[in-house]
mmCIF file of all heavy atoms, coordinates in Angstrom:
data_MODEL
# 
_entry.id   MODEL 
# 
loop_
_atom_site.group_PDB 
_atom_site.id 
_atom_site.type_symbol 
_atom_site.label_atom_id 
_atom_site.label_alt_id 
_atom_site.label_comp_id 
_atom_site.label_asym_id 
_atom_site.label_entity_id 
_atom_site.label_seq_id 
_atom_site.pdbx_PDB_ins_code 
_atom_site.Cartn_x 
_atom_site.Cartn_y 
_atom_site.Cartn_z 
_atom_site.occupancy 
_atom_site.B_iso_or_equiv 
_atom_site.pdbx_formal_charge 
_atom_site.auth_seq_id 
_atom_site.auth_comp_id 
_atom_site.auth_asym_id 
_atom_site.auth_atom_id 
_atom_site.pdbx_PDB_model_num 
ATOM 1   N N   . ASP A 1 1  ? 116.229 20.739 83.838  1.00 0.00 ? 1  ASP A N   1 
ATOM 2   C CA  . ASP A 1 1  ? 116.428 19.443 83.183  1.00 0.00 ? 1  ASP A CA  1 
ATOM 3   C C   . ASP A 1 1  ? 115.244 18.496 83.411  1.00 0.00 ? 1  ASP A C   1 
ATOM 4   O O   . ASP A 1 1  ? 115.280 17.338 83.007  1.00 0.00 ? 1  ASP A O   1 
ATOM 5   C CB  . ASP A 1 1  ? 117.729 18.782 83.638  1.00 0.00 ? 1  ASP A CB  1 
ATOM 6   C CG  . ASP A 1 1  ? 117.723 18.395 85.114  1.00 0.00 ? 1  ASP A CG  1 
ATOM 7   O OD1 . ASP A 1 1  ? 116.715 18.628 85.814  1.00 0.00 ? 1  ASP A OD1 1 
ATOM 8   O OD2 . ASP A 1 1  ? 118.750 17.854 85.584  1.00 0.00 ? 1  ASP A OD2 1 
ATOM 9   N N   . GLY A 1 2  ? 114.197 19.005 84.073  1.00 0.00 ? 2  GLY A N   1 
ATOM 10  C CA  . GLY A 1 2  ? 112.997 18.214 84.309  1.00 0.00 ? 2  GLY A CA  1 
ATOM 11  C C   . GLY A 1 2  ? 112.932 17.540 85.660  1.00 0.00 ? 2  GLY A C   1 
ATOM 12  O O   . GLY A 1 2  ? 111.911 16.957 86.015  1.00 0.00 ? 2  GLY A O   1 
ATOM 13  N N   . THR A 1 3  ? 113.999 17.604 86.448  1.00 0.00 ? 3  THR A N   1 
ATOM 14  C CA  . THR A 1 3  ? 114.016 16.979 87.769  1.00 0.00 ? 3  THR A CA  1 
ATOM 15  C C   . THR A 1 3  ? 113.071 17.709 88.704  1.00 0.00 ? 3  THR A C   1 
ATOM 16  O O   . THR A 1 3  ? 113.193 18.916 88.905  1.00 0.00 ? 3  THR A O   1 
ATOM 17  C CB  . THR A 1 3  ? 115.436 17.007 88.368  1.00 0.00 ? 3  THR A CB  1 
ATOM 18  O OG1 . THR A 1 3  ? 116.332 16.353 87.472  1.00 0.00 ? 3  THR A OG1 1 
ATOM 19  C CG2 . THR A 1 3  ? 115.474 16.319 89.722  1.00 0.00 ? 3  THR A CG2 1 
ATOM 20  N N   . ILE A 1 4  ? 112.112 16.979 89.273  1.00 0.00 ? 4  ILE A N   1 
ATOM 21  C CA  . ILE A 1 4  ? 111.195 17.556 90.264  1.00 0.00 ? 4  ILE A CA  1 
ATOM 22  C C   . ILE A 1 4  ? 111.843 17.395 91.627  1.00 0.00 ? 4  ILE A C   1 
ATOM 23  O O   . ILE A 1 4  ? 112.156 16.278 92.049  1.00 0.00 ? 4  ILE A O   1 
ATOM 24  C CB  . ILE A 1 4  ? 109.818 16.880 90.211  1.00 0.00 ? 4  ILE A CB  1 
ATOM 25  C CG1 . ILE A 1 4  ? 109.184 17.107 88.830  1.00 0.00 ? 4  ILE A CG1 1 
ATOM 26  C CG2 . ILE A 1 4  ? 108.923 17.407 91.325  1.00 0.00 ? 4  ILE A CG2 1 
ATOM 27  C CD1 . ILE A 1 4  ? 107.910 16.336 88.594  1.00 0.00 ? 4  ILE A CD1 1 
ATOM 28  N N   . LEU A 1 5  ? 112.065 18.514 92.299  1.00 0.00 ? 5  LEU A N   1 
ATOM 29  C CA  . LEU A 1 5  ? 112.742 18.486 93.591  1.00 0.00 ? 5  LEU A CA  1 
ATOM 30  C C   . LEU A 1 5  ? 111.778 18.139 94.707  1.00 0.00 ? 5  LEU A C   1 
ATOM 31  O O   . LEU A 1 5  ? 110.650 18.631 94.741  1.00 0.00 ? 5  LEU A O   1 
ATOM 32  C CB  . LEU A 1 5  ? 113.382 19.849 93.878  1.00 0.00 ? 5  LEU A CB  1 
ATOM 33  C CG  . LEU A 1 5  ? 114.335 20.403 92.815  1.00 0.00 ? 5  LEU A CG  1 
ATOM 34  C CD1 . LEU A 1 5  ? 114.884 21.755 93.254  1.00 0.00 ? 5  LEU A CD1 1 
ATOM 35  C CD2 . LEU A 1 5  ? 115.467 19.452 92.547  1.00 0.00 ? 5  LEU A CD2 1 
ATOM 36  N N   . LYS A 1 6  ? 112.232 17.298 95.606  1.00 0.00 ? 6  LYS A N   1 
ATOM 37  C CA  . LYS A 1 6  ? 111.477 16.995 96.817  1.00 0.00 ? 6  LYS A CA  1 
ATOM 38  C C   . LYS A 1 6  ? 112.041 17.860 97.935  1.00 0.00 ? 6  LYS A C   1 
ATOM 39  O O   . LYS A 1 6  ? 113.255 18.047 98.016  1.00 0.00 ? 6  LYS A O   1 
ATOM 40  C CB  . LYS A 1 6  ? 111.614 15.506 97.182  1.00 0.00 ? 6  LYS A CB  1 
ATOM 41  C CG  . LYS A 1 6  ? 110.976 14.593 96.180  1.00 0.00 ? 6  LYS A CG  1 
ATOM 42  C CD  . LYS A 1 6  ? 111.129 13.156 96.598  1.00 0.00 ? 6  LYS A CD  1 
ATOM 43  C CE  . LYS A 1 6  ? 110.513 12.244 95.550  1.00 0.00 ? 6  LYS A CE  1 
ATOM 44  N NZ  . LYS A 1 6  ? 110.747 10.836 95.857  1.00 0.00 ? 6  LYS A NZ  1 
ATOM 45  N N   . PRO A 1 7  ? 111.178 18.392 98.807  1.00 0.00 ? 7  PRO A N   1 
ATOM 46  C CA  . PRO A 1 7  ? 111.677 19.264 99.880  1.00 0.00 ? 7  PRO A CA  1 
ATOM 47  C C   . PRO A 1 7  ? 112.756 18.590 100.720 1.00 0.00 ? 7  PRO A C   1 
ATOM 48  O O   . PRO A 1 7  ? 112.643 17.418 101.078 1.00 0.00 ? 7  PRO A O   1 
ATOM 49  C CB  . PRO A 1 7  ? 110.426 19.555 100.718 1.00 0.00 ? 7  PRO A CB  1 
ATOM 50  C CG  . PRO A 1 7  ? 109.290 19.374 99.769  1.00 0.00 ? 7  PRO A CG  1 
ATOM 51  C CD  . PRO A 1 7  ? 109.724 18.266 98.842  1.00 0.00 ? 7  PRO A CD  1 
ATOM 52  N N   . ASN A 1 8  ? 113.811 19.325 100.978 1.00 0.00 ? 8  ASN A N   1 
ATOM 53  C CA  . ASN A 1 8  ? 114.940 18.956 101.829 1.00 0.00 ? 8  ASN A CA  1 
ATOM 54  C C   . ASN A 1 8  ? 115.835 17.850 101.268 1.00 0.00 ? 8  ASN A C   1 
ATOM 55  O O   . ASN A 1 8  ? 116.754 17.418 101.936 1.00 0.00 ? 8  ASN A O   1 
ATOM 56  C CB  . ASN A 1 8  ? 114.487 18.608 103.250 1.00 0.00 ? 8  ASN A CB  1 
ATOM 57  C CG  . ASN A 1 8  ? 115.614 18.799 104.247 1.00 0.00 ? 8  ASN A CG  1 
ATOM 58  O OD1 . ASN A 1 8  ? 116.542 19.565 104.033 1.00 0.00 ? 8  ASN A OD1 1 
ATOM 59  N ND2 . ASN A 1 8  ? 115.553 18.080 105.348 1.00 0.00 ? 8  ASN A ND2 1 
ATOM 60  N N   . ASP A 1 9  ? 115.589 17.381 100.052 1.00 0.00 ? 9  ASP A N   1 
ATOM 61  C CA  . ASP A 1 9  ? 116.503 16.436 99.410  1.00 0.00 ? 9  ASP A CA  1 
ATOM 62  C C   . ASP A 1 9  ? 117.549 17.225 98.635  1.00 0.00 ? 9  ASP A C   1 
ATOM 63  O O   . ASP A 1 9  ? 117.248 18.262 98.055  1.00 0.00 ? 9  ASP A O   1 
ATOM 64  C CB  . ASP A 1 9  ? 115.759 15.506 98.443  1.00 0.00 ? 9  ASP A CB  1 
ATOM 65  C CG  . ASP A 1 9  ? 115.027 14.388 99.169  1.00 0.00 ? 9  ASP A CG  1 
ATOM 66  O OD1 . ASP A 1 9  ? 115.115 14.323 100.407 1.00 0.00 ? 9  ASP A OD1 1 
ATOM 67  O OD2 . ASP A 1 9  ? 114.367 13.589 98.484  1.00 0.00 ? 9  ASP A OD2 1 
ATOM 68  N N   . ARG A 1 10 ? 118.769 16.718 98.613  1.00 0.00 ? 10 ARG A N   1 
ATOM 69  C CA  . ARG A 1 10 ? 119.863 17.385 97.890  1.00 0.00 ? 10 ARG A CA  1 
ATOM 70  C C   . ARG A 1 10 ? 119.943 16.848 96.461  1.00 0.00 ? 10 ARG A C   1 
ATOM 71  O O   . ARG A 1 10 ? 119.844 15.644 96.244  1.00 0.00 ? 10 ARG A O   1 
ATOM 72  C CB  . ARG A 1 10 ? 121.199 17.139 98.577  1.00 0.00 ? 10 ARG A CB  1 
ATOM 73  C CG  . ARG A 1 10 ? 121.322 17.799 99.904  1.00 0.00 ? 10 ARG A CG  1 
ATOM 74  C CD  . ARG A 1 10 ? 122.690 17.480 100.519 1.00 0.00 ? 10 ARG A CD  1 
ATOM 75  N NE  . ARG A 1 10 ? 122.682 17.714 101.934 1.00 0.00 ? 10 ARG A NE  1 
ATOM 76  C CZ  . ARG A 1 10 ? 122.969 18.880 102.500 1.00 0.00 ? 10 ARG A CZ  1 
ATOM 77  N NH1 . ARG A 1 10 ? 123.283 19.899 101.744 1.00 0.00 ? 10 ARG A NH1 1 
ATOM 78  N NH2 . ARG A 1 10 ? 122.930 19.028 103.798 1.00 0.00 ? 10 ARG A NH2 1 
ATOM 79  N N   . TYR A 1 11 ? 120.158 17.776 95.534  1.00 0.00 ? 11 TYR A N   1 
ATOM 80  C CA  . TYR A 1 11 ? 120.301 17.421 94.132  1.00 0.00 ? 11 TYR A CA  1 
ATOM 81  C C   . TYR A 1 11 ? 121.557 18.077 93.586  1.00 0.00 ? 11 TYR A C   1 
ATOM 82  O O   . TYR A 1 11 ? 121.855 19.224 93.927  1.00 0.00 ? 11 TYR A O   1 
ATOM 83  C CB  . TYR A 1 11 ? 119.077 17.902 93.333  1.00 0.00 ? 11 TYR A CB  1 
ATOM 84  C CG  . TYR A 1 11 ? 117.815 17.211 93.756  1.00 0.00 ? 11 TYR A CG  1 
ATOM 85  C CD1 . TYR A 1 11 ? 117.046 17.718 94.808  1.00 0.00 ? 11 TYR A CD1 1 
ATOM 86  C CD2 . TYR A 1 11 ? 117.393 16.048 93.139  1.00 0.00 ? 11 TYR A CD2 1 
ATOM 87  C CE1 . TYR A 1 11 ? 115.892 17.072 95.222  1.00 0.00 ? 11 TYR A CE1 1 
ATOM 88  C CE2 . TYR A 1 11 ? 116.231 15.399 93.539  1.00 0.00 ? 11 TYR A CE2 1 
ATOM 89  C CZ  . TYR A 1 11 ? 115.482 15.925 94.586  1.00 0.00 ? 11 TYR A CZ  1 
ATOM 90  O OH  . TYR A 1 11 ? 114.347 15.285 94.988  1.00 0.00 ? 11 TYR A OH  1 
ATOM 91  N N   . PRO A 1 12 ? 122.309 17.370 92.736  1.00 0.00 ? 12 PRO A N   1 
ATOM 92  C CA  . PRO A 1 12 ? 123.525 17.973 92.189  1.00 0.00 ? 12 PRO A CA  1 
ATOM 93  C C   . PRO A 1 12 ? 123.191 19.138 91.267  1.00 0.00 ? 12 PRO A C   1 
ATOM 94  O O   . PRO A 1 12 ? 122.220 19.085 90.510  1.00 0.00 ? 12 PRO A O   1 
ATOM 95  C CB  . PRO A 1 12 ? 124.179 16.826 91.413  1.00 0.00 ? 12 PRO A CB  1 
ATOM 96  C CG  . PRO A 1 12 ? 123.105 15.840 91.167  1.00 0.00 ? 12 PRO A CG  1 
ATOM 97  C CD  . PRO A 1 12 ? 122.089 16.015 92.261  1.00 0.00 ? 12 PRO A CD  1 
ATOM 98  N N   . LEU A 1 13 ? 123.982 20.171 91.376  1.00 0.00 ? 13 LEU A N   1 
ATOM 99  C CA  . LEU A 1 13 ? 123.852 21.337 90.505  1.00 0.00 ? 13 LEU A CA  1 
ATOM 100 C C   . LEU A 1 13 ? 124.997 21.243 89.504  1.00 0.00 ? 13 LEU A C   1 
ATOM 101 O O   . LEU A 1 13 ? 126.163 21.405 89.873  1.00 0.00 ? 13 LEU A O   1 
ATOM 102 C CB  . LEU A 1 13 ? 123.932 22.611 91.343  1.00 0.00 ? 13 LEU A CB  1 
ATOM 103 C CG  . LEU A 1 13 ? 123.501 23.900 90.699  1.00 0.00 ? 13 LEU A CG  1 
ATOM 104 C CD1 . LEU A 1 13 ? 122.081 23.803 90.165  1.00 0.00 ? 13 LEU A CD1 1 
ATOM 105 C CD2 . LEU A 1 13 ? 123.604 25.035 91.696  1.00 0.00 ? 13 LEU A CD2 1 
ATOM 106 N N   . THR A 1 14 ? 124.692 20.946 88.262  1.00 0.00 ? 14 THR A N   1 
ATOM 107 C CA  . THR A 1 14 ? 125.730 20.649 87.276  1.00 0.00 ? 14 THR A CA  1 
ATOM 108 C C   . THR A 1 14 ? 126.063 21.825 86.366  1.00 0.00 ? 14 THR A C   1 
ATOM 109 O O   . THR A 1 14 ? 127.023 21.746 85.607  1.00 0.00 ? 14 THR A O   1 
ATOM 110 C CB  . THR A 1 14 ? 125.305 19.450 86.406  1.00 0.00 ? 14 THR A CB  1 
ATOM 111 O OG1 . THR A 1 14 ? 124.057 19.759 85.773  1.00 0.00 ? 14 THR A OG1 1 
ATOM 112 C CG2 . THR A 1 14 ? 125.149 18.200 87.255  1.00 0.00 ? 14 THR A CG2 1 
ATOM 113 N N   . LYS A 1 15 ? 125.270 22.888 86.422  1.00 0.00 ? 15 LYS A N   1 
ATOM 114 C CA  . LYS A 1 15 ? 125.505 24.048 85.558  1.00 0.00 ? 15 LYS A CA  1 
ATOM 115 C C   . LYS A 1 15 ? 125.596 25.305 86.413  1.00 0.00 ? 15 LYS A C   1 
ATOM 116 O O   . LYS A 1 15 ? 124.988 25.384 87.472  1.00 0.00 ? 15 LYS A O   1 
ATOM 117 C CB  . LYS A 1 15 ? 124.362 24.210 84.556  1.00 0.00 ? 15 LYS A CB  1 
ATOM 118 C CG  . LYS A 1 15 ? 124.170 23.022 83.640  1.00 0.00 ? 15 LYS A CG  1 
ATOM 119 C CD  . LYS A 1 15 ? 123.113 23.278 82.596  1.00 0.00 ? 15 LYS A CD  1 
ATOM 120 C CE  . LYS A 1 15 ? 121.724 23.192 83.177  1.00 0.00 ? 15 LYS A CE  1 
ATOM 121 N NZ  . LYS A 1 15 ? 120.659 23.319 82.204  1.00 0.00 ? 15 LYS A NZ  1 
ATOM 122 N N   . GLU A 1 16 ? 126.324 26.295 85.906  1.00 0.00 ? 16 GLU A N   1 
ATOM 123 C CA  . GLU A 1 16 ? 126.415 27.569 86.613  1.00 0.00 ? 16 GLU A CA  1 
ATOM 124 C C   . GLU A 1 16 ? 125.273 28.507 86.243  1.00 0.00 ? 16 GLU A C   1 
ATOM 125 O O   . GLU A 1 16 ? 124.957 29.425 86.980  1.00 0.00 ? 16 GLU A O   1 
ATOM 126 C CB  . GLU A 1 16 ? 127.772 28.227 86.346  1.00 0.00 ? 16 GLU A CB  1 
ATOM 127 C CG  . GLU A 1 16 ? 128.902 27.464 86.995  1.00 0.00 ? 16 GLU A CG  1 
ATOM 128 C CD  . GLU A 1 16 ? 130.232 28.163 86.883  1.00 0.00 ? 16 GLU A CD  1 
ATOM 129 O OE1 . GLU A 1 16 ? 130.265 29.387 86.706  1.00 0.00 ? 16 GLU A OE1 1 
ATOM 130 O OE2 . GLU A 1 16 ? 131.255 27.463 86.986  1.00 0.00 ? 16 GLU A OE2 1 
ATOM 131 N N   . VAL A 1 17 ? 124.668 28.307 85.093  1.00 0.00 ? 17 VAL A N   1 
ATOM 132 C CA  . VAL A 1 17 ? 123.490 29.069 84.683  1.00 0.00 ? 17 VAL A CA  1 
ATOM 133 C C   . VAL A 1 17 ? 122.357 28.057 84.570  1.00 0.00 ? 17 VAL A C   1 
ATOM 134 O O   . VAL A 1 17 ? 122.442 27.105 83.801  1.00 0.00 ? 17 VAL A O   1 
ATOM 135 C CB  . VAL A 1 17 ? 123.720 29.797 83.337  1.00 0.00 ? 17 VAL A CB  1 
ATOM 136 C CG1 . VAL A 1 17 ? 122.463 30.521 82.897  1.00 0.00 ? 17 VAL A CG1 1 
ATOM 137 C CG2 . VAL A 1 17 ? 124.885 30.767 83.449  1.00 0.00 ? 17 VAL A CG2 1 
ATOM 138 N N   . PHE A 1 18 ? 121.311 28.264 85.365  1.00 0.00 ? 18 PHE A N   1 
ATOM 139 C CA  . PHE A 1 18 ? 120.227 27.283 85.392  1.00 0.00 ? 18 PHE A CA  1 
ATOM 140 C C   . PHE A 1 18 ? 118.915 27.987 85.694  1.00 0.00 ? 18 PHE A C   1 
ATOM 141 O O   . PHE A 1 18 ? 118.888 29.141 86.115  1.00 0.00 ? 18 PHE A O   1 
ATOM 142 C CB  . PHE A 1 18 ? 120.497 26.180 86.422  1.00 0.00 ? 18 PHE A CB  1 
ATOM 143 C CG  . PHE A 1 18 ? 120.686 26.686 87.832  1.00 0.00 ? 18 PHE A CG  1 
ATOM 144 C CD1 . PHE A 1 18 ? 119.632 26.672 88.734  1.00 0.00 ? 18 PHE A CD1 1 
ATOM 145 C CD2 . PHE A 1 18 ? 121.918 27.183 88.248  1.00 0.00 ? 18 PHE A CD2 1 
ATOM 146 C CE1 . PHE A 1 18 ? 119.817 27.138 90.032  1.00 0.00 ? 18 PHE A CE1 1 
ATOM 147 C CE2 . PHE A 1 18 ? 122.104 27.644 89.545  1.00 0.00 ? 18 PHE A CE2 1 
ATOM 148 C CZ  . PHE A 1 18 ? 121.048 27.620 90.434  1.00 0.00 ? 18 PHE A CZ  1 
ATOM 149 N N   . ARG A 1 19 ? 117.839 27.274 85.485  1.00 0.00 ? 19 ARG A N   1 
ATOM 150 C CA  . ARG A 1 19 ? 116.500 27.810 85.751  1.00 0.00 ? 19 ARG A CA  1 
ATOM 151 C C   . ARG A 1 19 ? 115.738 26.845 86.654  1.00 0.00 ? 19 ARG A C   1 
ATOM 152 O O   . ARG A 1 19 ? 115.893 25.636 86.563  1.00 0.00 ? 19 ARG A O   1 
ATOM 153 C CB  . ARG A 1 19 ? 115.730 28.025 84.459  1.00 0.00 ? 19 ARG A CB  1 
ATOM 154 C CG  . ARG A 1 19 ? 116.364 29.089 83.601  1.00 0.00 ? 19 ARG A CG  1 
ATOM 155 C CD  . ARG A 1 19 ? 115.659 29.278 82.309  1.00 0.00 ? 19 ARG A CD  1 
ATOM 156 N NE  . ARG A 1 19 ? 116.428 30.241 81.510  1.00 0.00 ? 19 ARG A NE  1 
ATOM 157 C CZ  . ARG A 1 19 ? 115.944 30.879 80.487  1.00 0.00 ? 19 ARG A CZ  1 
ATOM 158 N NH1 . ARG A 1 19 ? 114.709 30.665 80.089  1.00 0.00 ? 19 ARG A NH1 1 
ATOM 159 N NH2 . ARG A 1 19 ? 116.686 31.722 79.825  1.00 0.00 ? 19 ARG A NH2 1 
ATOM 160 N N   . LEU A 1 20 ? 114.926 27.436 87.503  1.00 0.00 ? 20 LEU A N   1 
ATOM 161 C CA  . LEU A 1 20 ? 114.020 26.680 88.359  1.00 0.00 ? 20 LEU A CA  1 
ATOM 162 C C   . LEU A 1 20 ? 112.603 27.111 88.012  1.00 0.00 ? 20 LEU A C   1 
ATOM 163 O O   . LEU A 1 20 ? 112.372 28.270 87.651  1.00 0.00 ? 20 LEU A O   1 
ATOM 164 C CB  . LEU A 1 20 ? 114.311 26.964 89.833  1.00 0.00 ? 20 LEU A CB  1 
ATOM 165 C CG  . LEU A 1 20 ? 115.723 26.629 90.311  1.00 0.00 ? 20 LEU A CG  1 
ATOM 166 C CD1 . LEU A 1 20 ? 115.952 27.192 91.711  1.00 0.00 ? 20 LEU A CD1 1 
ATOM 167 C CD2 . LEU A 1 20 ? 115.948 25.130 90.300  1.00 0.00 ? 20 LEU A CD2 1 
ATOM 168 N N   . TYR A 1 21 ? 111.651 26.192 88.147  1.00 0.00 ? 21 TYR A N   1 
ATOM 169 C CA  . TYR A 1 21 ? 110.266 26.486 87.834  1.00 0.00 ? 21 TYR A CA  1 
ATOM 170 C C   . TYR A 1 21 ? 109.407 26.117 89.036  1.00 0.00 ? 21 TYR A C   1 
ATOM 171 O O   . TYR A 1 21 ? 109.330 24.945 89.403  1.00 0.00 ? 21 TYR A O   1 
ATOM 172 C CB  . TYR A 1 21 ? 109.821 25.715 86.581  1.00 0.00 ? 21 TYR A CB  1 
ATOM 173 C CG  . TYR A 1 21 ? 110.632 26.093 85.361  1.00 0.00 ? 21 TYR A CG  1 
ATOM 174 C CD1 . TYR A 1 21 ? 111.738 25.341 84.977  1.00 0.00 ? 21 TYR A CD1 1 
ATOM 175 C CD2 . TYR A 1 21 ? 110.309 27.224 84.624  1.00 0.00 ? 21 TYR A CD2 1 
ATOM 176 C CE1 . TYR A 1 21 ? 112.497 25.700 83.876  1.00 0.00 ? 21 TYR A CE1 1 
ATOM 177 C CE2 . TYR A 1 21 ? 111.062 27.594 83.515  1.00 0.00 ? 21 TYR A CE2 1 
ATOM 178 C CZ  . TYR A 1 21 ? 112.154 26.825 83.149  1.00 0.00 ? 21 TYR A CZ  1 
ATOM 179 O OH  . TYR A 1 21 ? 112.908 27.181 82.064  1.00 0.00 ? 21 TYR A OH  1 
ATOM 180 N N   . TYR A 1 22 ? 108.784 27.131 89.634  1.00 0.00 ? 22 TYR A N   1 
ATOM 181 C CA  . TYR A 1 22 ? 107.892 26.898 90.768  1.00 0.00 ? 22 TYR A CA  1 
ATOM 182 C C   . TYR A 1 22 ? 106.459 26.917 90.267  1.00 0.00 ? 22 TYR A C   1 
ATOM 183 O O   . TYR A 1 22 ? 106.021 27.885 89.625  1.00 0.00 ? 22 TYR A O   1 
ATOM 184 C CB  . TYR A 1 22 ? 108.079 27.969 91.848  1.00 0.00 ? 22 TYR A CB  1 
ATOM 185 C CG  . TYR A 1 22 ? 107.106 27.792 92.975  1.00 0.00 ? 22 TYR A CG  1 
ATOM 186 C CD1 . TYR A 1 22 ? 107.301 26.801 93.930  1.00 0.00 ? 22 TYR A CD1 1 
ATOM 187 C CD2 . TYR A 1 22 ? 105.960 28.575 93.068  1.00 0.00 ? 22 TYR A CD2 1 
ATOM 188 C CE1 . TYR A 1 22 ? 106.388 26.595 94.946  1.00 0.00 ? 22 TYR A CE1 1 
ATOM 189 C CE2 . TYR A 1 22 ? 105.048 28.387 94.084  1.00 0.00 ? 22 TYR A CE2 1 
ATOM 190 C CZ  . TYR A 1 22 ? 105.262 27.400 95.015  1.00 0.00 ? 22 TYR A CZ  1 
ATOM 191 O OH  . TYR A 1 22 ? 104.344 27.199 96.019  1.00 0.00 ? 22 TYR A OH  1 
ATOM 192 N N   . THR A 1 23 ? 105.702 25.857 90.562  1.00 0.00 ? 23 THR A N   1 
ATOM 193 C CA  . THR A 1 23 ? 104.294 25.775 90.173  1.00 0.00 ? 23 THR A CA  1 
ATOM 194 C C   . THR A 1 23 ? 103.429 25.819 91.427  1.00 0.00 ? 23 THR A C   1 
ATOM 195 O O   . THR A 1 23 ? 103.586 24.986 92.327  1.00 0.00 ? 23 THR A O   1 
ATOM 196 C CB  . THR A 1 23 ? 104.006 24.478 89.384  1.00 0.00 ? 23 THR A CB  1 
ATOM 197 O OG1 . THR A 1 23 ? 104.863 24.460 88.236  1.00 0.00 ? 23 THR A OG1 1 
ATOM 198 C CG2 . THR A 1 23 ? 102.563 24.421 88.930  1.00 0.00 ? 23 THR A CG2 1 
ATOM 199 N N   . SER A 1 24 ? 102.528 26.792 91.469  1.00 0.00 ? 24 SER A N   1 
ATOM 200 C CA  . SER A 1 24 ? 101.632 26.964 92.615  1.00 0.00 ? 24 SER A CA  1 
ATOM 201 C C   . SER A 1 24 ? 100.581 25.855 92.638  1.00 0.00 ? 24 SER A C   1 
ATOM 202 O O   . SER A 1 24 ? 100.021 25.489 91.608  1.00 0.00 ? 24 SER A O   1 
ATOM 203 C CB  . SER A 1 24 ? 100.936 28.322 92.516  1.00 0.00 ? 24 SER A CB  1 
ATOM 204 O OG  . SER A 1 24 ? 99.922  28.430 93.479  1.00 0.00 ? 24 SER A OG  1 
# 
């Protein structure tokens, strides 16, 4: 959904099927 995760912060997971994108 475009949310950039910060390490160790909790974010709600609203879907059972989802994708994460890791950028090196």
